[in-house]
């Protein structure tokens, strides 16, 4: 899947994160701050863009376990 910056910005808006930066920085931000809330489809999309190996391992583990938390209500 060829992920676009616009899609990453959409995900950042969805999970209330800053939408500024490169594709890699957006993916790292999503992975590090909101990884537990991402769907498996979203995780698979951003996994190749993550620069941090620790975040990649965590995302892969969440994918294997099909783990997801619900966003807290405001």
PDB file of N, CA and C in Angstrom:
ATOM      1  N   UNK A   1       0.848  -1.186   0.000  1.00  0.00           N
ATOM      2  CA  UNK A   1       0.000   0.000   0.000  1.00  0.00           C
ATOM      3  C   UNK A   1       0.888   1.243   0.000  1.00  0.00           C
ATOM      4  N   UNK A   2       0.651   2.119  -0.933  1.00  0.00           N
ATOM      5  CA  UNK A   2       1.394   3.363  -1.008  1.00  0.00           C
ATOM      6  C   UNK A   2       0.620   4.423  -0.221  1.00  0.00           C
ATOM      7  N   UNK A   3       1.081   4.735   0.962  1.00  0.00           N
ATOM      8  CA  UNK A   3       0.388   5.652   1.853  1.00  0.00           C
ATOM      9  C   UNK A   3       0.749   7.095   1.507  1.00  0.00           C
ATOM     10  N   UNK A   4      -0.234   7.961   1.529  1.00  0.00           N
ATOM     11  CA  UNK A   4      -0.010   9.359   1.193  1.00  0.00           C
ATOM     12  C   UNK A   4       0.087  10.208   2.461  1.00  0.00           C
ATOM     13  N   UNK A   5       0.688  11.371   2.295  1.00  0.00           N
ATOM     14  CA  UNK A   5       0.797  12.299   3.424  1.00  0.00           C
ATOM     15  C   UNK A   5      -0.598  12.768   3.854  1.00  0.00           C
ATOM     16  N   UNK A   6      -1.481  12.929   2.887  1.00  0.00           N
ATOM     17  CA  UNK A   6      -2.850  13.358   3.186  1.00  0.00           C
ATOM     18  C   UNK A   6      -3.564  12.330   4.074  1.00  0.00           C
ATOM     19  N   UNK A   7      -3.356  11.044   3.794  1.00  0.00           N
ATOM     20  CA  UNK A   7      -3.950   9.989   4.611  1.00  0.00           C
ATOM     21  C   UNK A   7      -3.380  10.019   6.036  1.00  0.00           C
ATOM     22  N   UNK A   8      -2.073  10.206   6.142  1.00  0.00           N
ATOM     23  CA  UNK A   8      -1.449  10.297   7.465  1.00  0.00           C
ATOM     24  C   UNK A   8      -1.975  11.510   8.231  1.00  0.00           C
ATOM     25  N   UNK A   9      -2.152  12.620   7.547  1.00  0.00           N
ATOM     26  CA  UNK A   9      -2.700  13.803   8.201  1.00  0.00           C
ATOM     27  C   UNK A   9      -4.132  13.555   8.660  1.00  0.00           C
ATOM     28  N   UNK A  10      -4.898  12.823   7.856  1.00  0.00           N
ATOM     29  CA  UNK A  10      -6.261  12.456   8.240  1.00  0.00           C
ATOM     30  C   UNK A  10      -6.250  11.612   9.531  1.00  0.00           C
ATOM     31  N   UNK A  11      -5.338  10.644   9.598  1.00  0.00           N
ATOM     32  CA  UNK A  11      -5.231   9.820  10.806  1.00  0.00           C
ATOM     33  C   UNK A  11      -4.820  10.659  12.010  1.00  0.00           C
ATOM     34  N   UNK A  12      -3.898  11.582  11.804  1.00  0.00           N
ATOM     35  CA  UNK A  12      -3.470  12.450  12.906  1.00  0.00           C
ATOM     36  C   UNK A  12      -4.631  13.295  13.417  1.00  0.00           C
ATOM     37  N   UNK A  13      -5.445  13.816  12.502  1.00  0.00           N
ATOM     38  CA  UNK A  13      -6.628  14.579  12.918  1.00  0.00           C
ATOM     39  C   UNK A  13      -7.592  13.683  13.695  1.00  0.00           C
ATOM     40  N   UNK A  14      -7.776  12.476  13.196  1.00  0.00           N
ATOM     41  CA  UNK A  14      -8.689  11.523  13.825  1.00  0.00           C
ATOM     42  C   UNK A  14      -8.274  11.228  15.262  1.00  0.00           C
ATOM     43  N   UNK A  15      -6.980  11.128  15.492  1.00  0.00           N
ATOM     44  CA  UNK A  15      -6.469  10.791  16.817  1.00  0.00           C
ATOM     45  C   UNK A  15      -5.912  12.016  17.552  1.00  0.00           C
ATOM     46  N   UNK A  16      -6.350  13.199  17.146  1.00  0.00           N
ATOM     47  CA  UNK A  16      -6.008  14.480  17.767  1.00  0.00           C
ATOM     48  C   UNK A  16      -4.506  14.688  17.969  1.00  0.00           C
ATOM     49  N   UNK A  17      -3.761  14.563  16.889  1.00  0.00           N
ATOM     50  CA  UNK A  17      -2.325  14.817  16.880  1.00  0.00           C
ATOM     51  C   UNK A  17      -2.029  15.928  15.880  1.00  0.00           C
ATOM     52  N   UNK A  18      -0.866  16.515  15.986  1.00  0.00           N
ATOM     53  CA  UNK A  18      -0.440  17.554  15.058  1.00  0.00           C
ATOM     54  C   UNK A  18      -0.320  16.978  13.653  1.00  0.00           C
ATOM     55  N   UNK A  19      -0.716  17.763  12.657  1.00  0.00           N
ATOM     56  CA  UNK A  19      -0.678  17.285  11.269  1.00  0.00           C
ATOM     57  C   UNK A  19       0.527  17.831  10.513  1.00  0.00           C
ATOM     58  N   UNK A  20       1.448  18.482  11.182  1.00  0.00           N
ATOM     59  CA  UNK A  20       2.629  19.058  10.547  1.00  0.00           C
ATOM     60  C   UNK A  20       3.781  18.063  10.543  1.00  0.00           C
ATOM     61  N   UNK A  21       4.591  18.098   9.473  1.00  0.00           N
ATOM     62  CA  UNK A  21       5.781  17.260   9.405  1.00  0.00           C
ATOM     63  C   UNK A  21       5.803  16.378   8.175  1.00  0.00           C
ATOM     64  N   UNK A  22       6.842  15.561   8.098  1.00  0.00           N
ATOM     65  CA  UNK A  22       7.013  14.645   6.977  1.00  0.00           C
ATOM     66  C   UNK A  22       6.161  13.399   7.199  1.00  0.00           C
ATOM     67  N   UNK A  23       6.083  12.578   6.150  1.00  0.00           N
ATOM     68  CA  UNK A  23       5.349  11.318   6.275  1.00  0.00           C
ATOM     69  C   UNK A  23       5.921  10.475   7.408  1.00  0.00           C
ATOM     70  N   UNK A  24       7.239  10.417   7.483  1.00  0.00           N
ATOM     71  CA  UNK A  24       7.890   9.608   8.510  1.00  0.00           C
ATOM     72  C   UNK A  24       7.599  10.146   9.910  1.00  0.00           C
ATOM     73  N   UNK A  25       7.644  11.459  10.083  1.00  0.00           N
ATOM     74  CA  UNK A  25       7.386  12.027  11.407  1.00  0.00           C
ATOM     75  C   UNK A  25       5.921  11.841  11.808  1.00  0.00           C
ATOM     76  N   UNK A  26       5.014  11.930  10.850  1.00  0.00           N
ATOM     77  CA  UNK A  26       3.602  11.683  11.147  1.00  0.00           C
ATOM     78  C   UNK A  26       3.379  10.226  11.555  1.00  0.00           C
ATOM     79  N   UNK A  27       4.001   9.310  10.833  1.00  0.00           N
ATOM     80  CA  UNK A  27       3.874   7.887  11.161  1.00  0.00           C
ATOM     81  C   UNK A  27       4.466   7.592  12.540  1.00  0.00           C
ATOM     82  N   UNK A  28       5.627   8.184  12.842  1.00  0.00           N
ATOM     83  CA  UNK A  28       6.235   7.983  14.152  1.00  0.00           C
ATOM     84  C   UNK A  28       5.351   8.538  15.267  1.00  0.00           C
ATOM     85  N   UNK A  29       4.754   9.686  15.016  1.00  0.00           N
ATOM     86  CA  UNK A  29       3.865  10.304  16.007  1.00  0.00           C
ATOM     87  C   UNK A  29       2.655   9.419  16.268  1.00  0.00           C
ATOM     88  N   UNK A  30       2.054   8.909  15.213  1.00  0.00           N
ATOM     89  CA  UNK A  30       0.900   8.014  15.355  1.00  0.00           C
ATOM     90  C   UNK A  30       1.284   6.741  16.096  1.00  0.00           C
ATOM     91  N   UNK A  31       2.407   6.196  15.710  1.00  0.00           N
ATOM     92  CA  UNK A  31       2.872   4.942  16.291  1.00  0.00           C
ATOM     93  C   UNK A  31       3.190   5.104  17.775  1.00  0.00           C
ATOM     94  N   UNK A  32       3.892   6.164  18.108  1.00  0.00           N
ATOM     95  CA  UNK A  32       4.335   6.351  19.482  1.00  0.00           C
ATOM     96  C   UNK A  32       3.262   6.817  20.433  1.00  0.00           C
ATOM     97  N   UNK A  33       2.374   7.690  19.958  1.00  0.00           N
ATOM     98  CA  UNK A  33       1.398   8.293  20.858  1.00  0.00           C
ATOM     99  C   UNK A  33       0.027   7.645  20.829  1.00  0.00           C
ATOM    100  N   UNK A  34      -0.353   7.098  19.684  1.00  0.00           N
ATOM    101  CA  UNK A  34      -1.701   6.545  19.570  1.00  0.00           C
ATOM    102  C   UNK A  34      -1.717   5.119  19.014  1.00  0.00           C
ATOM    103  N   UNK A  35      -0.628   4.422  19.120  1.00  0.00           N
ATOM    104  CA  UNK A  35      -0.540   3.077  18.557  1.00  0.00           C
ATOM    105  C   UNK A  35      -1.589   2.120  19.067  1.00  0.00           C
ATOM    106  N   UNK A  36      -1.976   2.240  20.335  1.00  0.00           N
ATOM    107  CA  UNK A  36      -2.948   1.304  20.910  1.00  0.00           C
ATOM    108  C   UNK A  36      -4.357   1.537  20.375  1.00  0.00           C
ATOM    109  N   UNK A  37      -4.616   2.726  19.814  1.00  0.00           N
ATOM    110  CA  UNK A  37      -5.949   3.028  19.297  1.00  0.00           C
ATOM    111  C   UNK A  37      -6.101   2.734  17.809  1.00  0.00           C
ATOM    112  N   UNK A  38      -4.997   2.535  17.109  1.00  0.00           N
ATOM    113  CA  UNK A  38      -5.040   2.313  15.667  1.00  0.00           C
ATOM    114  C   UNK A  38      -5.674   0.968  15.326  1.00  0.00           C
ATOM    115  N   UNK A  39      -6.380   0.923  14.212  1.00  0.00           N
ATOM    116  CA  UNK A  39      -6.909  -0.353  13.727  1.00  0.00           C
ATOM    117  C   UNK A  39      -5.759  -1.127  13.075  1.00  0.00           C
ATOM    118  N   UNK A  40      -5.962  -2.397  12.850  1.00  0.00           N
ATOM    119  CA  UNK A  40      -4.921  -3.208  12.218  1.00  0.00           C
ATOM    120  C   UNK A  40      -4.608  -2.715  10.811  1.00  0.00           C
ATOM    121  N   UNK A  41      -5.601  -2.253  10.081  1.00  0.00           N
ATOM    122  CA  UNK A  41      -5.379  -1.714   8.748  1.00  0.00           C
ATOM    123  C   UNK A  41      -4.491  -0.476   8.809  1.00  0.00           C
ATOM    124  N   UNK A  42      -4.766   0.403   9.776  1.00  0.00           N
ATOM    125  CA  UNK A  42      -3.959   1.607   9.953  1.00  0.00           C
ATOM    126  C   UNK A  42      -2.532   1.257  10.379  1.00  0.00           C
ATOM    127  N   UNK A  43      -2.401   0.289  11.254  1.00  0.00           N
ATOM    128  CA  UNK A  43      -1.064  -0.145  11.700  1.00  0.00           C
ATOM    129  C   UNK A  43      -0.249  -0.692  10.538  1.00  0.00           C
ATOM    130  N   UNK A  44      -0.878  -1.526   9.721  1.00  0.00           N
ATOM    131  CA  UNK A  44      -0.175  -2.100   8.566  1.00  0.00           C
ATOM    132  C   UNK A  44       0.272  -1.016   7.605  1.00  0.00           C
ATOM    133  N   UNK A  45      -0.533   0.032   7.473  1.00  0.00           N
ATOM    134  CA  UNK A  45      -0.206   1.113   6.547  1.00  0.00           C
ATOM    135  C   UNK A  45       0.991   1.926   7.023  1.00  0.00           C
ATOM    136  N   UNK A  46       1.081   2.205   8.329  1.00  0.00           N
ATOM    137  CA  UNK A  46       2.158   3.073   8.819  1.00  0.00           C
ATOM    138  C   UNK A  46       3.412   2.310   9.225  1.00  0.00           C
ATOM    139  N   UNK A  47       3.311   1.010   9.371  1.00  0.00           N
ATOM    140  CA  UNK A  47       4.457   0.207   9.829  1.00  0.00           C
ATOM    141  C   UNK A  47       5.720   0.420   8.998  1.00  0.00           C
ATOM    142  N   UNK A  48       5.669   0.413   7.675  1.00  0.00           N
ATOM    143  CA  UNK A  48       6.909   0.604   6.897  1.00  0.00           C
ATOM    144  C   UNK A  48       7.517   1.999   7.055  1.00  0.00           C
ATOM    145  N   UNK A  49       6.726   2.971   7.468  1.00  0.00           N
ATOM    146  CA  UNK A  49       7.218   4.345   7.588  1.00  0.00           C
ATOM    147  C   UNK A  49       7.852   4.650   8.947  1.00  0.00           C
ATOM    148  N   UNK A  50       7.606   3.816   9.937  1.00  0.00           N
ATOM    149  CA  UNK A  50       8.156   4.069  11.276  1.00  0.00           C
ATOM    150  C   UNK A  50       9.671   3.932  11.241  1.00  0.00           C
ATOM    151  N   UNK A  51      10.350   4.911  11.825  1.00  0.00           N
ATOM    152  CA  UNK A  51      11.811   4.889  11.808  1.00  0.00           C
ATOM    153  C   UNK A  51      12.388   4.176  13.021  1.00  0.00           C
ATOM    154  N   UNK A  52      11.627   4.109  14.092  1.00  0.00           N
ATOM    155  CA  UNK A  52      12.104   3.540  15.337  1.00  0.00           C
ATOM    156  C   UNK A  52      11.818   2.031  15.372  1.00  0.00           C
ATOM    157  N   UNK A  53      12.860   1.211  15.521  1.00  0.00           N
ATOM    158  CA  UNK A  53      12.668  -0.243  15.546  1.00  0.00           C
ATOM    159  C   UNK A  53      11.823  -0.693  16.732  1.00  0.00           C
ATOM    160  N   UNK A  54      11.920   0.016  17.854  1.00  0.00           N
ATOM    161  CA  UNK A  54      11.120  -0.344  19.022  1.00  0.00           C
ATOM    162  C   UNK A  54       9.635  -0.171  18.708  1.00  0.00           C
ATOM    163  N   UNK A  55       9.275   0.937  18.073  1.00  0.00           N
ATOM    164  CA  UNK A  55       7.875   1.155  17.697  1.00  0.00           C
ATOM    165  C   UNK A  55       7.410   0.114  16.690  1.00  0.00           C
ATOM    166  N   UNK A  56       8.277  -0.281  15.766  1.00  0.00           N
ATOM    167  CA  UNK A  56       7.919  -1.319  14.798  1.00  0.00           C
ATOM    168  C   UNK A  56       7.617  -2.638  15.497  1.00  0.00           C
ATOM    169  N   UNK A  57       8.443  -3.005  16.470  1.00  0.00           N
ATOM    170  CA  UNK A  57       8.224  -4.249  17.209  1.00  0.00           C
ATOM    171  C   UNK A  57       6.904  -4.205  17.963  1.00  0.00           C
ATOM    172  N   UNK A  58       6.609  -3.055  18.578  1.00  0.00           N
ATOM    173  CA  UNK A  58       5.369  -2.913  19.332  1.00  0.00           C
ATOM    174  C   UNK A  58       4.163  -3.020  18.398  1.00  0.00           C
ATOM    175  N   UNK A  59       4.228  -2.352  17.251  1.00  0.00           N
ATOM    176  CA  UNK A  59       3.117  -2.429  16.293  1.00  0.00           C
ATOM    177  C   UNK A  59       2.920  -3.847  15.766  1.00  0.00           C
ATOM    178  N   UNK A  60       4.025  -4.530  15.472  1.00  0.00           N
ATOM    179  CA  UNK A  60       3.922  -5.913  14.994  1.00  0.00           C
ATOM    180  C   UNK A  60       3.277  -6.807  16.044  1.00  0.00           C
ATOM    181  N   UNK A  61       3.640  -6.598  17.310  1.00  0.00           N
ATOM    182  CA  UNK A  61       3.054  -7.389  18.404  1.00  0.00           C
ATOM    183  C   UNK A  61       1.556  -7.112  18.512  1.00  0.00           C
ATOM    184  N   UNK A  62       1.170  -5.838  18.393  1.00  0.00           N
ATOM    185  CA  UNK A  62      -0.255  -5.491  18.443  1.00  0.00           C
ATOM    186  C   UNK A  62      -1.006  -6.095  17.262  1.00  0.00           C
ATOM    187  N   UNK A  63      -0.375  -6.131  16.096  1.00  0.00           N
ATOM    188  CA  UNK A  63      -0.999  -6.758  14.929  1.00  0.00           C
ATOM    189  C   UNK A  63      -1.211  -8.252  15.157  1.00  0.00           C
ATOM    190  N   UNK A  64      -0.190  -8.905  15.697  1.00  0.00           N
ATOM    191  CA  UNK A  64      -0.285 -10.344  15.950  1.00  0.00           C
ATOM    192  C   UNK A  64      -1.377 -10.669  16.963  1.00  0.00           C
ATOM    193  N   UNK A  65      -1.505  -9.813  17.980  1.00  0.00           N
ATOM    194  CA  UNK A  65      -2.484 -10.063  19.045  1.00  0.00           C
ATOM    195  C   UNK A  65      -3.844  -9.445  18.746  1.00  0.00           C
ATOM    196  N   UNK A  66      -3.944  -8.691  17.643  1.00  0.00           N
ATOM    197  CA  UNK A  66      -5.178  -8.011  17.281  1.00  0.00           C
ATOM    198  C   UNK A  66      -5.651  -7.123  18.437  1.00  0.00           C
ATOM    199  N   UNK A  67      -4.721  -6.367  19.000  1.00  0.00           N
ATOM    200  CA  UNK A  67      -4.969  -5.552  20.182  1.00  0.00           C
ATOM    201  C   UNK A  67      -5.398  -4.147  19.789  1.00  0.00           C
ATOM    202  N   UNK A  68      -6.454  -3.663  20.445  1.00  0.00           N
ATOM    203  CA  UNK A  68      -6.906  -2.290  20.200  1.00  0.00           C
ATOM    204  C   UNK A  68      -7.718  -1.793  21.386  1.00  0.00           C
ATOM    205  N   UNK A  69      -7.401  -0.585  21.831  1.00  0.00           N
ATOM    206  CA  UNK A  69      -8.189   0.071  22.873  1.00  0.00           C
ATOM    207  C   UNK A  69      -9.101   1.084  22.222  1.00  0.00           C
ATOM    208  N   UNK A  70     -10.175   1.416  22.927  1.00  0.00           N
ATOM    209  CA  UNK A  70     -11.074   2.450  22.426  1.00  0.00           C
ATOM    210  C   UNK A  70     -10.575   3.813  22.917  1.00  0.00           C
ATOM    211  N   UNK A  71     -10.778   4.822  22.086  1.00  0.00           N
ATOM    212  CA  UNK A  71     -10.414   6.174  22.455  1.00  0.00           C
ATOM    213  C   UNK A  71     -11.299   6.626  23.624  1.00  0.00           C
ATOM    214  N   UNK A  72     -10.696   7.301  24.596  1.00  0.00           N
ATOM    215  CA  UNK A  72     -11.510   7.809  25.700  1.00  0.00           C
ATOM    216  C   UNK A  72     -12.462   8.900  25.205  1.00  0.00           C
ATOM    217  N   UNK A  73     -13.632   8.956  25.791  1.00  0.00           N
ATOM    218  CA  UNK A  73     -14.607   9.962  25.399  1.00  0.00           C
ATOM    219  C   UNK A  73     -14.266  11.277  26.067  1.00  0.00           C
ATOM    220  N   UNK A  74     -14.521  12.357  25.353  1.00  0.00           N
ATOM    221  CA  UNK A  74     -14.220  13.686  25.865  1.00  0.00           C
ATOM    222  C   UNK A  74     -15.357  14.217  26.702  1.00  0.00           C
TER     223      UNK A  74
END
